[in-house]
């Protein structure tokens, strides 16, 4: 039995993600709750933000104006092809795509003002781990 997969969601290493397919099937509804994610994170100009499971950069597109030119946004995703798609959408120097597994993020404690995750599936242990990377005054 052969399984048919939608284009853009499943690619072999080295192959391009079809960002338009992702936008058509997932992005069109997921972008509806991006404002709620940003509001909950209370992102401010100049903030250092980690976007876990950034994918094609849907939340990052909205985060860039919120953090402004003085902010920094790390878009982490386990899939390099998704990061390439995010980078093609986000040319700003404030955005840095990083290939990383959400279960073993390579960041030091206390370096982010906010951590957001629009669609990534995280277990509570990873959410707790991400919160330790934020400044102590900024709980999740």
N, C-alpha and C. Protein backbone atom coordinates (compact mmCIF):
# COMPACT_ATOMS: atom_id res chain seq x y z
N UNK A 1 0.84 -1.18 0.00
CA UNK A 1 0.00 0.00 0.00
C UNK A 1 0.89 1.24 0.00
N UNK A 2 0.61 2.14 -0.88
CA UNK A 2 1.38 3.38 -0.98
C UNK A 2 0.61 4.51 -0.32
N UNK A 3 1.31 5.29 0.49
CA UNK A 3 0.70 6.43 1.16
C UNK A 3 0.98 7.68 0.35
N UNK A 4 -0.05 8.44 0.05
CA UNK A 4 0.10 9.71 -0.67
C UNK A 4 0.22 10.83 0.36
N UNK A 5 1.25 11.63 0.25
CA UNK A 5 1.47 12.73 1.17
C UNK A 5 1.35 14.05 0.43
N UNK A 6 0.84 15.04 1.10
CA UNK A 6 0.69 16.36 0.50
C UNK A 6 2.06 16.95 0.21
N UNK A 7 2.23 17.64 -0.91
CA UNK A 7 3.53 18.26 -1.20
C UNK A 7 3.85 19.33 -0.17
N UNK A 8 5.11 19.43 0.18
CA UNK A 8 5.54 20.49 1.09
C UNK A 8 5.70 20.06 2.52
N UNK A 9 5.04 18.99 2.92
CA UNK A 9 5.13 18.56 4.31
C UNK A 9 6.23 17.54 4.55
N UNK A 10 6.51 16.72 3.58
CA UNK A 10 7.45 15.63 3.76
C UNK A 10 8.44 15.64 2.60
N UNK A 11 9.68 15.96 2.90
CA UNK A 11 10.70 15.99 1.86
C UNK A 11 11.92 15.23 2.33
N UNK A 12 12.63 14.68 1.38
CA UNK A 12 13.89 14.02 1.69
C UNK A 12 14.96 15.07 1.96
N UNK A 13 15.98 14.71 2.72
CA UNK A 13 17.07 15.67 2.96
C UNK A 13 17.62 16.21 1.64
N UNK A 14 17.83 17.52 1.62
CA UNK A 14 18.37 18.16 0.44
C UNK A 14 17.34 18.60 -0.58
N UNK A 15 16.09 18.23 -0.39
CA UNK A 15 15.04 18.63 -1.32
C UNK A 15 14.29 19.83 -0.74
N UNK A 16 13.81 20.67 -1.61
CA UNK A 16 13.15 21.91 -1.19
C UNK A 16 11.74 21.65 -0.66
N UNK A 17 11.38 22.40 0.36
CA UNK A 17 10.02 22.38 0.87
C UNK A 17 9.16 23.22 -0.05
N UNK A 18 7.98 22.75 -0.35
CA UNK A 18 7.04 23.52 -1.15
C UNK A 18 6.27 24.43 -0.19
N UNK A 19 6.79 25.63 0.03
CA UNK A 19 6.19 26.55 0.99
C UNK A 19 4.77 26.93 0.61
N UNK A 20 4.47 26.96 -0.68
CA UNK A 20 3.10 27.30 -1.08
C UNK A 20 2.12 26.20 -0.67
N UNK A 21 2.56 24.93 -0.73
CA UNK A 21 1.70 23.84 -0.28
C UNK A 21 1.49 23.93 1.23
N UNK A 22 2.56 24.22 1.95
CA UNK A 22 2.44 24.37 3.40
C UNK A 22 1.45 25.49 3.72
N UNK A 23 1.60 26.63 3.04
CA UNK A 23 0.71 27.75 3.26
C UNK A 23 -0.73 27.43 2.93
N UNK A 24 -0.93 26.65 1.88
CA UNK A 24 -2.29 26.30 1.46
C UNK A 24 -2.97 25.38 2.47
N UNK A 25 -2.23 24.40 2.99
CA UNK A 25 -2.85 23.41 3.85
C UNK A 25 -2.78 23.74 5.34
N UNK A 26 -1.70 24.32 5.79
CA UNK A 26 -1.52 24.58 7.21
C UNK A 26 -1.50 26.06 7.53
N UNK A 27 -0.74 26.81 6.77
CA UNK A 27 -0.56 28.24 7.05
C UNK A 27 -1.84 29.04 7.05
N UNK A 28 -2.78 28.68 6.20
CA UNK A 28 -4.00 29.49 6.10
C UNK A 28 -4.83 29.48 7.38
N UNK A 29 -4.77 28.41 8.16
CA UNK A 29 -5.49 28.43 9.44
C UNK A 29 -4.57 28.69 10.61
N UNK A 30 -3.30 28.28 10.52
CA UNK A 30 -2.41 28.48 11.66
C UNK A 30 -2.08 29.95 11.86
N UNK A 31 -2.04 30.74 10.78
CA UNK A 31 -1.72 32.16 10.93
C UNK A 31 -2.83 32.90 11.66
N UNK A 32 -4.00 32.30 11.78
CA UNK A 32 -5.10 32.95 12.49
C UNK A 32 -4.81 33.10 13.99
N UNK A 33 -4.02 32.18 14.55
CA UNK A 33 -3.76 32.30 15.99
C UNK A 33 -2.38 32.86 16.31
N UNK A 34 -1.61 33.28 15.30
CA UNK A 34 -0.32 33.92 15.55
C UNK A 34 -0.48 35.15 16.44
N UNK A 35 -1.46 36.04 16.20
CA UNK A 35 -1.61 37.20 17.08
C UNK A 35 -1.82 36.81 18.55
N UNK A 36 -2.51 35.70 18.80
CA UNK A 36 -2.70 35.25 20.19
C UNK A 36 -1.39 34.78 20.81
N UNK A 37 -0.58 34.09 20.01
CA UNK A 37 0.73 33.63 20.49
C UNK A 37 1.59 34.84 20.86
N UNK A 38 1.62 35.85 19.98
CA UNK A 38 2.44 37.03 20.23
C UNK A 38 1.93 37.81 21.44
N UNK A 39 0.63 37.91 21.57
CA UNK A 39 0.05 38.61 22.71
C UNK A 39 0.41 37.91 24.02
N UNK A 40 0.30 36.60 24.03
CA UNK A 40 0.63 35.84 25.24
C UNK A 40 2.10 35.98 25.61
N UNK A 41 2.96 36.10 24.60
CA UNK A 41 4.40 36.23 24.86
C UNK A 41 4.79 37.66 25.25
N UNK A 42 3.90 38.62 25.04
CA UNK A 42 4.15 40.02 25.37
C UNK A 42 5.48 40.51 24.78
N UNK A 43 5.66 40.23 23.49
CA UNK A 43 6.89 40.61 22.79
C UNK A 43 6.95 42.12 22.63
N UNK A 44 8.12 42.69 22.92
CA UNK A 44 8.33 44.13 22.88
C UNK A 44 9.50 44.48 21.95
N UNK A 45 9.56 45.72 21.48
CA UNK A 45 10.71 46.15 20.67
C UNK A 45 12.02 45.90 21.43
N UNK A 46 12.99 45.38 20.70
CA UNK A 46 14.30 45.10 21.31
C UNK A 46 14.42 43.74 21.97
N UNK A 47 13.33 42.99 22.05
CA UNK A 47 13.37 41.67 22.69
C UNK A 47 14.21 40.67 21.90
N UNK A 48 14.75 39.71 22.65
CA UNK A 48 15.41 38.55 22.07
C UNK A 48 14.43 37.40 22.17
N UNK A 49 14.01 36.87 21.02
CA UNK A 49 12.92 35.90 20.98
C UNK A 49 13.40 34.61 20.32
N UNK A 50 12.98 33.49 20.89
CA UNK A 50 13.20 32.18 20.30
C UNK A 50 11.87 31.68 19.76
N UNK A 51 11.81 31.36 18.47
CA UNK A 51 10.64 30.79 17.83
C UNK A 51 10.93 29.32 17.59
N UNK A 52 10.40 28.46 18.45
CA UNK A 52 10.65 27.02 18.38
C UNK A 52 9.73 26.41 17.31
N UNK A 53 10.28 25.52 16.50
CA UNK A 53 9.55 24.90 15.40
C UNK A 53 9.05 25.99 14.44
N UNK A 54 9.95 26.87 14.06
CA UNK A 54 9.60 28.02 13.23
C UNK A 54 9.00 27.64 11.88
N UNK A 55 9.35 26.45 11.37
CA UNK A 55 8.79 26.01 10.09
C UNK A 55 9.12 26.97 8.97
N UNK A 56 8.11 27.38 8.22
CA UNK A 56 8.32 28.31 7.11
C UNK A 56 8.36 29.76 7.58
N UNK A 57 8.29 29.99 8.89
CA UNK A 57 8.44 31.33 9.44
C UNK A 57 7.15 32.11 9.60
N UNK A 58 6.03 31.42 9.72
CA UNK A 58 4.74 32.11 9.83
C UNK A 58 4.70 33.05 11.05
N UNK A 59 5.07 32.54 12.22
CA UNK A 59 5.09 33.40 13.41
C UNK A 59 6.22 34.42 13.32
N UNK A 60 7.33 34.02 12.74
CA UNK A 60 8.49 34.92 12.63
C UNK A 60 8.15 36.16 11.80
N UNK A 61 7.35 35.98 10.77
CA UNK A 61 6.94 37.12 9.93
C UNK A 61 6.23 38.17 10.79
N UNK A 62 5.41 37.73 11.72
CA UNK A 62 4.70 38.65 12.60
C UNK A 62 5.59 39.17 13.73
N UNK A 63 6.58 38.37 14.13
CA UNK A 63 7.47 38.77 15.22
C UNK A 63 8.44 39.89 14.82
N UNK A 64 8.91 39.87 13.59
CA UNK A 64 9.91 40.85 13.13
C UNK A 64 9.46 42.29 13.39
N UNK A 65 8.25 42.70 12.99
CA UNK A 65 7.85 44.08 13.29
C UNK A 65 7.69 44.34 14.79
N UNK A 66 7.32 43.31 15.55
CA UNK A 66 7.12 43.48 16.99
C UNK A 66 8.44 43.73 17.72
N UNK A 67 9.53 43.08 17.29
CA UNK A 67 10.82 43.25 17.97
C UNK A 67 11.61 44.43 17.41
N UNK A 68 11.27 44.85 16.19
CA UNK A 68 11.95 45.99 15.59
C UNK A 68 13.40 45.70 15.22
N UNK A 69 14.06 46.74 14.74
CA UNK A 69 15.44 46.60 14.26
C UNK A 69 16.43 46.29 15.38
N UNK A 70 16.07 46.61 16.63
CA UNK A 70 16.99 46.36 17.74
C UNK A 70 16.79 44.99 18.38
N UNK A 71 15.77 44.25 17.94
CA UNK A 71 15.51 42.92 18.49
C UNK A 71 16.28 41.84 17.77
N UNK A 72 16.18 40.64 18.29
CA UNK A 72 16.82 39.47 17.69
C UNK A 72 15.83 38.32 17.74
N UNK A 73 15.72 37.60 16.64
CA UNK A 73 14.80 36.47 16.54
C UNK A 73 15.55 35.24 16.04
N UNK A 74 15.56 34.21 16.86
CA UNK A 74 16.14 32.93 16.47
C UNK A 74 14.97 32.03 16.08
N UNK A 75 14.99 31.55 14.84
CA UNK A 75 13.98 30.60 14.37
C UNK A 75 14.59 29.22 14.37
N UNK A 76 14.19 28.37 15.31
CA UNK A 76 14.75 27.02 15.43
C UNK A 76 13.78 26.00 14.86
N UNK A 77 14.32 25.07 14.08
CA UNK A 77 13.50 24.00 13.52
C UNK A 77 14.40 22.81 13.26
N UNK A 78 13.84 21.63 13.41
CA UNK A 78 14.62 20.41 13.18
C UNK A 78 14.83 20.13 11.70
N UNK A 79 14.00 20.73 10.84
CA UNK A 79 14.05 20.47 9.41
C UNK A 79 14.78 21.59 8.66
N UNK A 80 15.99 21.33 8.19
CA UNK A 80 16.72 22.37 7.45
C UNK A 80 15.94 22.92 6.25
N UNK A 81 15.17 22.08 5.58
CA UNK A 81 14.40 22.55 4.42
C UNK A 81 13.36 23.60 4.84
N UNK A 82 12.77 23.43 6.00
CA UNK A 82 11.81 24.43 6.50
C UNK A 82 12.53 25.74 6.82
N UNK A 83 13.73 25.64 7.39
CA UNK A 83 14.51 26.83 7.69
C UNK A 83 14.90 27.58 6.42
N UNK A 84 15.20 26.85 5.37
CA UNK A 84 15.51 27.50 4.09
C UNK A 84 14.30 28.28 3.59
N UNK A 85 13.12 27.70 3.76
CA UNK A 85 11.90 28.38 3.34
C UNK A 85 11.67 29.63 4.19
N UNK A 86 11.90 29.52 5.50
CA UNK A 86 11.75 30.68 6.39
C UNK A 86 12.73 31.78 6.00
N UNK A 87 13.97 31.40 5.72
CA UNK A 87 14.99 32.39 5.36
C UNK A 87 14.62 33.08 4.04
N UNK A 88 14.00 32.36 3.13
CA UNK A 88 13.61 32.97 1.85
C UNK A 88 12.51 34.01 2.05
N UNK A 89 11.71 33.85 3.11
CA UNK A 89 10.64 34.82 3.43
C UNK A 89 11.15 35.97 4.27
N UNK A 90 12.18 35.72 5.07
CA UNK A 90 12.65 36.69 6.06
C UNK A 90 14.09 37.08 5.76
N UNK A 91 14.26 38.20 5.14
CA UNK A 91 15.60 38.68 4.75
C UNK A 91 16.22 39.58 5.83
N UNK A 92 15.45 39.93 6.85
CA UNK A 92 15.92 40.85 7.88
C UNK A 92 17.11 40.27 8.63
N UNK A 93 18.06 41.13 8.98
CA UNK A 93 19.23 40.69 9.74
C UNK A 93 18.87 40.29 11.16
N UNK A 94 17.72 40.70 11.63
CA UNK A 94 17.31 40.34 12.99
C UNK A 94 16.86 38.88 13.09
N UNK A 95 16.66 38.20 11.96
CA UNK A 95 16.23 36.79 11.95
C UNK A 95 17.40 35.87 11.67
N UNK A 96 17.60 34.89 12.56
CA UNK A 96 18.65 33.90 12.38
C UNK A 96 18.04 32.50 12.47
N UNK A 97 18.01 31.77 11.35
CA UNK A 97 17.50 30.40 11.39
C UNK A 97 18.56 29.45 11.95
N UNK A 98 18.14 28.54 12.83
CA UNK A 98 19.06 27.59 13.46
C UNK A 98 18.44 26.19 13.39
N UNK A 99 19.17 25.24 12.83
CA UNK A 99 18.71 23.86 12.81
C UNK A 99 18.92 23.26 14.20
N UNK A 100 17.81 22.93 14.86
CA UNK A 100 17.89 22.39 16.22
C UNK A 100 16.66 21.58 16.56
N UNK A 101 16.85 20.57 17.35
CA UNK A 101 15.78 19.73 17.86
C UNK A 101 15.20 20.41 19.11
N UNK A 102 13.90 20.57 19.18
CA UNK A 102 13.27 21.24 20.32
C UNK A 102 13.52 20.50 21.64
N UNK A 103 13.85 19.23 21.57
CA UNK A 103 14.11 18.48 22.79
C UNK A 103 15.52 18.68 23.33
N UNK A 104 16.41 19.23 22.51
CA UNK A 104 17.78 19.48 22.95
C UNK A 104 18.27 20.80 22.37
N UNK A 105 17.61 21.86 22.70
CA UNK A 105 17.95 23.18 22.16
C UNK A 105 19.33 23.62 22.65
N UNK A 106 20.13 24.18 21.75
CA UNK A 106 21.53 24.51 22.09
C UNK A 106 21.74 25.93 22.61
N UNK A 107 20.86 26.40 23.48
CA UNK A 107 20.95 27.77 23.95
C UNK A 107 21.18 27.81 25.46
N UNK A 108 21.90 28.82 25.89
CA UNK A 108 22.21 28.98 27.31
C UNK A 108 21.00 29.49 28.09
N UNK A 109 21.07 29.36 29.39
CA UNK A 109 20.01 29.86 30.28
C UNK A 109 19.93 31.38 30.20
N UNK A 110 18.72 31.89 30.31
CA UNK A 110 18.48 33.32 30.50
C UNK A 110 18.81 34.23 29.33
N UNK A 111 18.85 33.72 28.10
CA UNK A 111 19.25 34.60 26.99
C UNK A 111 18.07 35.15 26.19
N UNK A 112 16.86 34.64 26.42
CA UNK A 112 15.70 35.11 25.65
C UNK A 112 14.71 35.86 26.54
N UNK A 113 14.10 36.88 25.96
CA UNK A 113 13.03 37.60 26.65
C UNK A 113 11.70 36.89 26.47
N UNK A 114 11.56 36.14 25.38
CA UNK A 114 10.32 35.41 25.10
C UNK A 114 10.65 34.17 24.28
N UNK A 115 9.87 33.12 24.51
CA UNK A 115 9.95 31.90 23.71
C UNK A 115 8.55 31.63 23.20
N UNK A 116 8.42 31.48 21.87
CA UNK A 116 7.11 31.18 21.28
C UNK A 116 7.22 29.88 20.50
N UNK A 117 6.08 29.23 20.38
CA UNK A 117 5.99 28.01 19.58
C UNK A 117 4.58 27.98 19.00
N UNK A 118 4.49 28.25 17.72
CA UNK A 118 3.18 28.34 17.08
C UNK A 118 2.55 26.97 16.87
N UNK A 119 3.30 26.03 16.32
CA UNK A 119 2.71 24.74 15.97
C UNK A 119 3.47 23.52 16.45
N UNK A 120 4.68 23.68 16.90
CA UNK A 120 5.48 22.52 17.30
C UNK A 120 4.82 21.77 18.44
N UNK A 121 4.95 20.48 18.41
CA UNK A 121 4.39 19.65 19.47
C UNK A 121 5.47 19.43 20.52
N UNK A 122 5.27 20.03 21.68
CA UNK A 122 6.26 19.93 22.75
C UNK A 122 5.65 19.25 23.96
N UNK A 123 6.43 18.41 24.60
CA UNK A 123 5.96 17.82 25.83
C UNK A 123 6.32 18.76 26.98
N UNK A 124 5.62 18.68 28.11
CA UNK A 124 5.84 19.64 29.21
C UNK A 124 7.29 19.79 29.64
N UNK A 125 8.07 18.73 29.61
CA UNK A 125 9.48 18.82 30.01
C UNK A 125 10.22 19.82 29.12
N UNK A 126 9.94 19.80 27.82
CA UNK A 126 10.61 20.72 26.91
C UNK A 126 10.15 22.15 27.14
N UNK A 127 8.88 22.34 27.46
CA UNK A 127 8.39 23.69 27.76
C UNK A 127 9.12 24.22 28.98
N UNK A 128 9.31 23.39 30.00
CA UNK A 128 10.05 23.81 31.19
C UNK A 128 11.50 24.13 30.84
N UNK A 129 12.08 23.32 29.97
CA UNK A 129 13.47 23.57 29.57
C UNK A 129 13.58 24.91 28.85
N UNK A 130 12.62 25.21 27.98
CA UNK A 130 12.66 26.48 27.27
C UNK A 130 12.50 27.65 28.23
N UNK A 131 11.68 27.49 29.25
CA UNK A 131 11.46 28.60 30.17
C UNK A 131 12.74 28.95 30.93
N UNK A 132 13.64 27.99 31.13
CA UNK A 132 14.89 28.30 31.83
C UNK A 132 15.81 29.14 30.97
N UNK A 133 15.56 29.20 29.66
CA UNK A 133 16.38 30.01 28.77
C UNK A 133 15.93 31.47 28.76
N UNK A 134 14.80 31.74 29.43
CA UNK A 134 14.30 33.11 29.47
C UNK A 134 14.84 33.83 30.70
N UNK A 135 14.81 35.15 30.62
CA UNK A 135 15.17 35.95 31.79
C UNK A 135 14.25 35.56 32.94
N UNK A 136 14.75 35.50 34.17
CA UNK A 136 13.94 35.06 35.30
C UNK A 136 12.64 35.84 35.49
N UNK A 137 12.61 37.09 35.09
CA UNK A 137 11.40 37.91 35.29
C UNK A 137 10.34 37.64 34.24
N UNK A 138 10.61 36.78 33.24
CA UNK A 138 9.66 36.53 32.16
C UNK A 138 9.21 35.09 32.14
N UNK A 139 8.22 34.73 32.94
CA UNK A 139 7.74 33.35 32.92
C UNK A 139 6.95 33.06 31.66
N UNK A 140 6.83 31.79 31.34
CA UNK A 140 6.01 31.40 30.19
C UNK A 140 4.54 31.48 30.58
